[in-house]
Structures are given as structure tokens and as C-alpha cells.
Amino acid sequence: MTAPVTERLDATGLLCPLPVLRARKRLAAMPPGAVLEVLADDPAAVVDMPHFCAEQGHELLAQEAAERGAIVYRIRRGE
């Protein structure tokens, strides 16, 4: 069972480091435990998003292929 998504962020068309910076800003405004779904097509995001989550104490719940080469990241906000 997957956690319900609280908010969605479309970061397609943005290049490194913008997808991570936008995700960080959005997560900062969310309560702990909330889930952010990020759609990104930047090839660097495959490395950047998991690293960002690990460094900031967020949980990367999923990283799945989406349409047109994009990837969906589901991130649960940490404490």
C-alpha cells in the first residue's frame, strides 16, 4: 500500500539543480509525514533526488518511470 500523495510538483523541463531546489522549498512548507510527488525529466535528478532525501532526512518512497522519459519521485517529508 502506498502513502497518499499530499501535493504534486511538476518539475519537467527544469535542469539541475532546480528540480531539487523546488522540491526542497515545497517540502519545507509541508508538515512532517506529508508526501510530495515530483515529476522530473532532468537526467541528473536520478542521482540528485535520492541524495537530497538522504541528506535532508526525507524518505524516498518511490522512483518510477513516467511518460516521455520523466520519472516520478514520491518523497515523505521527514521531521
Protein backbone atom coordinates (compact mmCIF):
# COMPACT_ATOMS: atom_id res chain seq x y z
CA MET A 1 0.00 0.00 0.00
CA THR A 2 1.36 3.40 -0.93
CA ALA A 3 1.04 6.56 1.09
CA PRO A 4 -1.48 9.08 -0.23
CA VAL A 5 0.10 12.00 -2.09
CA THR A 6 -0.39 15.32 -0.29
CA GLU A 7 0.98 17.60 -3.03
CA ARG A 8 2.34 17.34 -6.58
CA LEU A 9 5.19 19.25 -8.18
CA ASP A 10 5.79 19.29 -11.94
CA ALA A 11 9.50 19.95 -12.46
CA THR A 12 9.63 18.80 -16.08
CA GLY A 13 11.76 20.99 -18.29
CA LEU A 14 13.88 22.16 -15.35
CA LEU A 15 17.56 21.32 -15.21
CA CYS A 16 19.83 20.61 -12.23
CA PRO A 17 19.65 21.87 -9.54
CA LEU A 18 16.14 23.31 -9.99
CA PRO A 19 14.08 20.10 -9.50
CA VAL A 20 15.73 19.50 -6.12
CA LEU A 21 15.54 23.16 -5.10
CA ARG A 22 11.82 23.32 -5.93
CA ALA A 23 11.21 20.06 -4.06
CA ARG A 24 13.10 21.35 -1.02
CA LYS A 25 11.07 24.56 -0.97
CA ARG A 26 7.77 22.72 -1.31
CA LEU A 27 8.68 20.14 1.36
CA ALA A 28 9.67 22.90 3.79
CA ALA A 29 6.10 24.20 3.65
CA MET A 30 4.58 20.76 4.27
CA PRO A 31 4.04 19.05 7.64
CA PRO A 32 6.22 16.09 8.67
CA GLY A 33 4.90 12.84 7.19
CA ALA A 34 3.29 14.54 4.19
CA VAL A 35 4.06 13.06 0.76
CA LEU A 36 5.26 15.10 -2.19
CA GLU A 37 5.11 13.65 -5.69
CA VAL A 38 7.68 15.21 -8.03
CA LEU A 39 7.68 14.72 -11.80
CA ALA A 40 11.10 15.47 -13.32
CA ASP A 41 12.79 14.74 -16.63
CA ASP A 42 16.28 16.05 -15.81
CA PRO A 43 18.71 13.11 -16.15
CA ALA A 44 20.66 14.33 -13.11
CA ALA A 45 17.57 14.02 -10.91
CA VAL A 46 18.04 10.23 -10.85
CA VAL A 47 21.10 10.81 -8.66
CA ASP A 48 20.12 14.15 -7.09
CA MET A 49 16.70 13.25 -5.63
CA PRO A 50 17.83 10.17 -3.64
CA HIS A 51 20.91 12.05 -2.41
CA PHE A 52 18.80 15.06 -1.40
CA CYS A 53 16.37 12.83 0.53
CA ALA A 54 19.17 11.02 2.36
CA GLU A 55 20.95 14.26 3.27
CA GLN A 56 17.80 16.09 4.44
CA GLY A 57 16.17 13.22 6.35
CA HIS A 58 13.28 12.66 3.95
CA GLU A 59 12.15 9.19 2.83
CA LEU A 60 12.18 8.38 -0.87
CA LEU A 61 9.12 6.14 -1.13
CA ALA A 62 9.24 5.51 -4.88
CA GLN A 63 11.15 6.34 -8.02
CA GLU A 64 9.23 5.19 -11.11
CA ALA A 65 9.39 5.78 -14.85
CA ALA A 66 6.66 8.02 -16.26
CA GLU A 67 5.74 9.26 -19.74
CA ARG A 68 8.20 10.93 -22.12
CA GLY A 69 11.33 9.97 -20.19
CA ALA A 70 10.22 11.60 -16.95
CA ILE A 71 10.48 10.00 -13.53
CA VAL A 72 8.03 10.26 -10.65
CA TYR A 73 9.55 10.59 -7.19
CA ARG A 74 7.40 10.16 -4.08
CA ILE A 75 9.01 11.73 -1.03
CA ARG A 76 7.74 11.59 2.56
CA ARG A 77 8.80 14.67 4.49
CA GLY A 78 11.00 13.94 7.49
CA GLU A 79 10.88 15.60 10.89
